[in-house]
Amino acid sequence: MTGAEARSRLAALGLEPAQVDVLVAHFEDADRRGKTGHGLLRVEWLEGQAIDPLARAVLVESGEGYEHWDAHGALGYLVLDEIVRATLADPPERARVVVASRCFPTGVLGYWARRLADGGLVAALTATSPRRLAHPDGGPALAGTNPLAIAVPSGDGEPVVTDVSMGAVTHGDVLAGRGSAEELVPFGGEQSYKAFALAVGLELFVGALAGPEHGVVLVVARPDHDPVPALRELAAGRRLPGADV
């Protein structure tokens, strides 16, 4: 699918041009980085979802160290774009926890965390998703693949960005034909209980702050130190997470 076709199809869903710009920029970045499950093919997936193009996120609580947004079912991509823009325009003096309720889907979390790091902020971002991961011993799905992204700015170039899903594959991999639904299990093989524990911890962490529907929790702070250059030197040219492609 081309970017032009994606724009036309997204506009047909009732999304405004500025919203379409946000989505296409995210999808094209995902494709460029090899994350095709979150790329332009998501347009067709969105066409099968119940989308309210008029839904808007509202900042319902705001303080120096805490914000709570109610997304009212708006697309998570658009909510996170608004949160990132607002945070960069008014960064915390030290640190801030940002919670978004009723917010899904959120796409590649590293994309949003990277934008904050490009603006000089340290960011840790997680979000819940439909329950797809069962206990390693079997049973019903108890947690989403619940990715966790961490981005740290660097004085010697691009930030380091880690972005890890707790599944052996993601739902996006399944949509892209790069994995099967049967492979949607906690990663790690015999050590999968570790990924399952992380998935459950993030499920409950976000749920405790954002409520019973899908949500997002962002922790953002101004860095006091610049640890990335020393790590790059130690890595001796080996690729670190999130290096540009």
Protein backbone atom coordinates (compact mmCIF):
# COMPACT_ATOMS: atom_id res chain seq x y z
CA MET A 1 0.00 0.00 0.00
CA THR A 2 1.33 3.44 -0.87
CA GLY A 3 1.21 6.44 1.42
CA ALA A 4 -1.24 8.13 -0.95
CA GLU A 5 -3.61 5.17 -0.88
CA ALA A 6 -3.33 5.03 2.91
CA ARG A 7 -4.23 8.69 3.17
CA SER A 8 -7.28 8.24 0.97
CA ARG A 9 -8.54 5.23 2.90
CA LEU A 10 -7.97 6.85 6.29
CA ALA A 11 -9.80 9.98 5.16
CA ALA A 12 -12.70 7.76 4.14
CA LEU A 13 -12.97 6.71 7.80
CA GLY A 14 -13.82 10.31 8.66
CA LEU A 15 -10.40 11.29 10.00
CA GLU A 16 -9.22 14.85 9.54
CA PRO A 17 -6.13 15.62 7.40
CA ALA A 18 -3.98 16.38 10.46
CA GLN A 19 -5.00 13.06 12.03
CA VAL A 20 -4.20 11.22 8.80
CA ASP A 21 -0.77 12.86 8.80
CA VAL A 22 -0.08 11.52 12.30
CA LEU A 23 -1.11 7.98 11.39
CA VAL A 24 0.77 7.82 8.10
CA ALA A 25 3.95 9.21 9.66
CA HIS A 26 3.79 6.48 12.31
CA PHE A 27 3.01 3.70 9.83
CA GLU A 28 5.75 4.72 7.40
CA ASP A 29 8.32 4.92 10.20
CA ALA A 30 7.30 1.44 11.36
CA ASP A 31 7.73 0.04 7.83
CA ARG A 32 11.11 1.75 7.47
CA ARG A 33 12.30 0.10 10.67
CA GLY A 34 11.09 -3.35 9.64
CA LYS A 35 8.08 -3.35 12.01
CA THR A 36 5.65 -4.10 9.19
CA GLY A 37 3.03 -5.42 11.57
CA HIS A 38 2.59 -1.82 12.70
CA GLY A 39 3.07 -0.26 9.27
CA LEU A 40 0.75 0.71 6.46
CA LEU A 41 -1.00 -2.67 6.55
CA ARG A 42 -2.65 -1.40 9.73
CA VAL A 43 -4.86 0.80 7.56
CA GLU A 44 -6.84 -2.24 6.46
CA TRP A 45 -6.99 -3.41 10.07
CA LEU A 46 -8.33 -0.02 11.17
CA GLU A 47 -11.03 -0.26 8.52
CA GLY A 48 -12.37 -3.27 10.40
CA GLN A 49 -12.45 -1.53 13.78
CA ALA A 50 -15.15 0.61 15.36
CA ILE A 51 -13.60 4.07 15.06
CA ASP A 52 -15.15 7.26 16.35
CA PRO A 53 -13.40 10.00 14.33
CA LEU A 54 -14.98 12.66 16.56
CA ALA A 55 -13.55 11.25 19.82
CA ARG A 56 -10.99 13.53 21.46
CA ALA A 57 -8.69 13.11 24.43
CA VAL A 58 -9.30 15.48 27.33
CA LEU A 59 -6.76 16.44 29.98
CA VAL A 60 -8.81 15.88 33.13
CA GLU A 61 -6.10 16.33 35.77
CA SER A 62 -2.86 18.26 35.52
CA GLY A 63 -0.04 19.00 37.93
CA GLU A 64 3.71 19.36 37.81
CA GLY A 65 4.30 15.69 38.51
CA TYR A 66 1.11 14.07 37.18
CA GLU A 67 -1.32 14.24 34.29
CA HIS A 68 -4.39 12.16 33.52
CA TRP A 69 -5.95 12.17 30.06
CA ASP A 70 -9.28 10.56 29.23
CA ALA A 71 -9.04 9.49 25.60
CA HIS A 72 -12.80 8.82 25.31
CA GLY A 73 -12.01 6.00 22.89
CA ALA A 74 -9.97 8.13 20.49
CA LEU A 75 -7.32 6.28 18.50
CA GLY A 76 -4.33 5.72 20.73
CA TYR A 77 -1.94 6.89 18.02
CA LEU A 78 -3.61 10.30 18.05
CA VAL A 79 -3.73 10.45 21.84
CA LEU A 80 -0.04 9.68 22.20
CA ASP A 81 0.82 12.21 19.51
CA GLU A 82 -1.07 14.86 21.48
CA ILE A 83 0.58 13.83 24.75
CA VAL A 84 4.06 13.88 23.20
CA ARG A 85 3.49 17.29 21.68
CA ALA A 86 2.11 18.68 24.93
CA THR A 87 4.99 17.23 26.96
CA LEU A 88 7.64 18.65 24.64
CA ALA A 89 5.92 22.04 24.68
CA ASP A 90 5.73 22.02 28.49
CA PRO A 91 8.30 19.55 29.86
CA PRO A 92 8.41 18.74 33.57
CA GLU A 93 10.80 20.61 35.82
CA ARG A 94 12.01 17.22 37.07
CA ALA A 95 9.66 14.33 36.24
CA ARG A 96 6.05 13.58 35.39
CA VAL A 97 3.76 10.57 35.25
CA VAL A 98 1.22 10.75 32.43
CA VAL A 99 -1.76 8.37 32.36
CA ALA A 100 -4.19 7.98 29.48
CA SER A 101 -7.41 6.02 29.96
CA ARG A 102 -9.54 4.43 27.24
CA CYS A 103 -6.65 4.63 24.80
CA PHE A 104 -6.06 2.03 22.03
CA PRO A 105 -4.31 1.12 19.73
CA THR A 106 -1.00 2.83 20.46
CA GLY A 107 1.26 1.30 17.79
CA VAL A 108 5.04 1.19 18.13
CA LEU A 109 5.71 2.63 21.57
CA GLY A 110 9.35 3.25 20.70
CA TYR A 111 8.20 5.75 18.07
CA TRP A 112 6.62 7.98 20.72
CA ALA A 113 9.41 7.49 23.27
CA ARG A 114 12.02 8.37 20.64
CA ARG A 115 10.31 11.69 19.93
CA LEU A 116 10.54 12.56 23.62
CA ALA A 117 14.22 11.57 23.74
CA ASP A 118 14.89 13.63 20.62
CA GLY A 119 13.52 16.51 22.68
CA GLY A 120 16.02 15.80 25.46
CA LEU A 121 13.79 13.82 27.83
CA VAL A 122 14.16 10.34 29.30
CA ALA A 123 10.98 8.35 28.74
CA ALA A 124 9.52 5.01 29.80
CA LEU A 125 6.23 4.12 28.13
CA THR A 126 3.94 1.12 28.40
CA ALA A 127 0.42 0.30 27.26
CA THR A 128 -2.04 -2.53 27.64
CA SER A 129 -3.55 -4.44 24.73
CA PRO A 130 -6.12 -7.23 24.28
CA ARG A 131 -5.44 -10.25 26.46
CA ARG A 132 -3.46 -12.68 24.29
CA LEU A 133 -0.88 -14.26 26.62
CA ALA A 134 -1.83 -17.28 28.69
CA HIS A 135 0.03 -18.61 31.71
CA PRO A 136 3.02 -20.77 30.67
CA ASP A 137 1.13 -23.70 32.25
CA GLY A 138 -1.89 -23.03 30.02
CA GLY A 139 -5.38 -21.72 30.63
CA PRO A 140 -7.11 -18.56 29.41
CA ALA A 141 -5.31 -15.48 28.17
CA LEU A 142 -4.52 -13.31 31.18
CA ALA A 143 -2.47 -10.41 29.83
CA GLY A 144 -1.76 -8.47 26.69
CA THR A 145 1.60 -8.51 24.96
CA ASN A 146 2.01 -5.17 26.81
CA PRO A 147 5.15 -3.62 25.29
CA LEU A 148 7.59 -1.49 27.23
CA ALA A 149 9.65 1.23 25.54
CA ILE A 150 12.52 3.15 27.14
CA ALA A 151 14.29 6.02 25.39
CA VAL A 152 17.39 7.85 26.63
CA PRO A 153 18.82 10.92 24.86
CA SER A 154 22.51 11.10 24.07
CA GLY A 155 25.00 13.93 23.76
CA ASP A 156 26.84 12.14 20.96
CA GLY A 157 24.00 11.47 18.53
CA GLU A 158 20.72 9.64 18.34
CA PRO A 159 19.02 8.30 21.48
CA VAL A 160 19.05 4.69 22.57
CA VAL A 161 15.51 3.30 22.30
CA THR A 162 14.45 -0.11 23.56
CA ASP A 163 10.99 -1.41 22.70
CA VAL A 164 10.07 -4.93 23.72
CA SER A 165 6.77 -6.82 23.56
CA MET A 166 6.27 -9.61 26.07
CA GLY A 167 5.11 -12.04 23.36
CA ALA A 168 7.27 -14.42 21.36
CA VAL A 169 5.54 -12.70 18.43
CA THR A 170 3.19 -9.73 18.38
CA HIS A 171 -0.34 -9.47 17.06
CA GLY A 172 1.16 -7.24 14.39
CA ASP A 173 3.45 -10.11 13.35
CA VAL A 174 0.36 -12.28 12.95
CA LEU A 175 -1.36 -9.62 10.83
CA ALA A 176 1.78 -9.31 8.70
CA GLY A 177 2.06 -13.08 8.22
CA ARG A 178 5.33 -13.19 10.14
CA GLY A 179 3.91 -15.31 12.95
CA SER A 180 0.89 -17.39 13.88
CA ALA A 181 -1.70 -17.00 16.60
CA GLU A 182 -0.32 -20.17 18.19
CA GLU A 183 3.00 -18.38 18.65
CA LEU A 184 1.38 -15.64 20.72
CA VAL A 185 2.88 -16.88 23.98
CA PRO A 186 5.28 -15.25 26.44
CA PHE A 187 8.78 -15.19 24.97
CA GLY A 188 11.68 -17.10 26.50
CA GLY A 189 10.93 -20.78 25.94
CA GLU A 190 11.64 -22.56 29.22
CA GLN A 191 12.16 -19.14 30.82
CA SER A 192 8.83 -17.77 29.55
CA TYR A 193 7.57 -17.28 33.09
CA LYS A 194 9.81 -14.18 33.22
CA ALA A 195 8.10 -12.54 30.23
CA PHE A 196 4.72 -13.63 31.59
CA ALA A 197 5.54 -12.00 34.94
CA LEU A 198 6.44 -8.76 33.16
CA ALA A 199 3.26 -8.88 31.08
CA VAL A 200 1.12 -9.40 34.18
CA GLY A 201 2.99 -6.69 36.10
CA LEU A 202 2.45 -4.17 33.30
CA GLU A 203 -1.19 -5.24 32.90
CA LEU A 204 -1.88 -4.50 36.55
CA PHE A 205 0.35 -1.40 36.69
CA VAL A 206 -1.51 0.28 33.84
CA GLY A 207 -4.89 -1.00 35.05
CA ALA A 208 -4.33 0.41 38.53
CA LEU A 209 -3.67 3.88 37.10
CA ALA A 210 -5.75 3.99 33.92
CA GLY A 211 -8.76 1.84 34.79
CA PRO A 212 -10.32 -1.32 33.33
CA GLU A 213 -10.10 -0.37 29.64
CA HIS A 214 -6.88 -0.25 27.63
CA GLY A 215 -4.59 2.51 28.77
CA VAL A 216 -1.15 4.07 28.69
CA VAL A 217 1.35 5.08 31.36
CA LEU A 218 4.29 7.34 30.54
CA VAL A 219 7.08 8.35 32.91
CA VAL A 220 9.12 11.25 31.56
CA ALA A 221 12.00 13.12 33.20
CA ARG A 222 14.85 15.51 32.55
CA PRO A 223 18.17 13.61 32.60
CA ASP A 224 20.93 14.58 35.05
CA HIS A 225 23.59 12.47 33.32
CA ASP A 226 24.54 11.30 29.81
CA PRO A 227 25.34 7.57 30.05
CA VAL A 228 24.94 6.67 26.37
CA PRO A 229 28.37 7.75 25.00
CA ALA A 230 30.22 5.50 27.47
CA LEU A 231 27.98 2.57 26.54
CA ARG A 232 28.56 3.20 22.84
CA GLU A 233 32.30 3.19 23.41
CA LEU A 234 32.05 -0.05 25.34
CA ALA A 235 29.89 -1.57 22.57
CA ALA A 236 32.78 -0.93 20.14
CA GLY A 237 30.60 -0.34 17.08
CA ARG A 238 28.00 -3.00 17.82
CA ARG A 239 24.47 -1.87 17.10
CA LEU A 240 22.56 -0.69 20.14
CA PRO A 241 18.75 -0.87 20.44
CA GLY A 242 16.85 1.63 18.38
CA ALA A 243 19.74 2.67 16.12
CA ASP A 244 18.39 4.37 13.02
CA VAL A 245 18.14 2.39 9.79
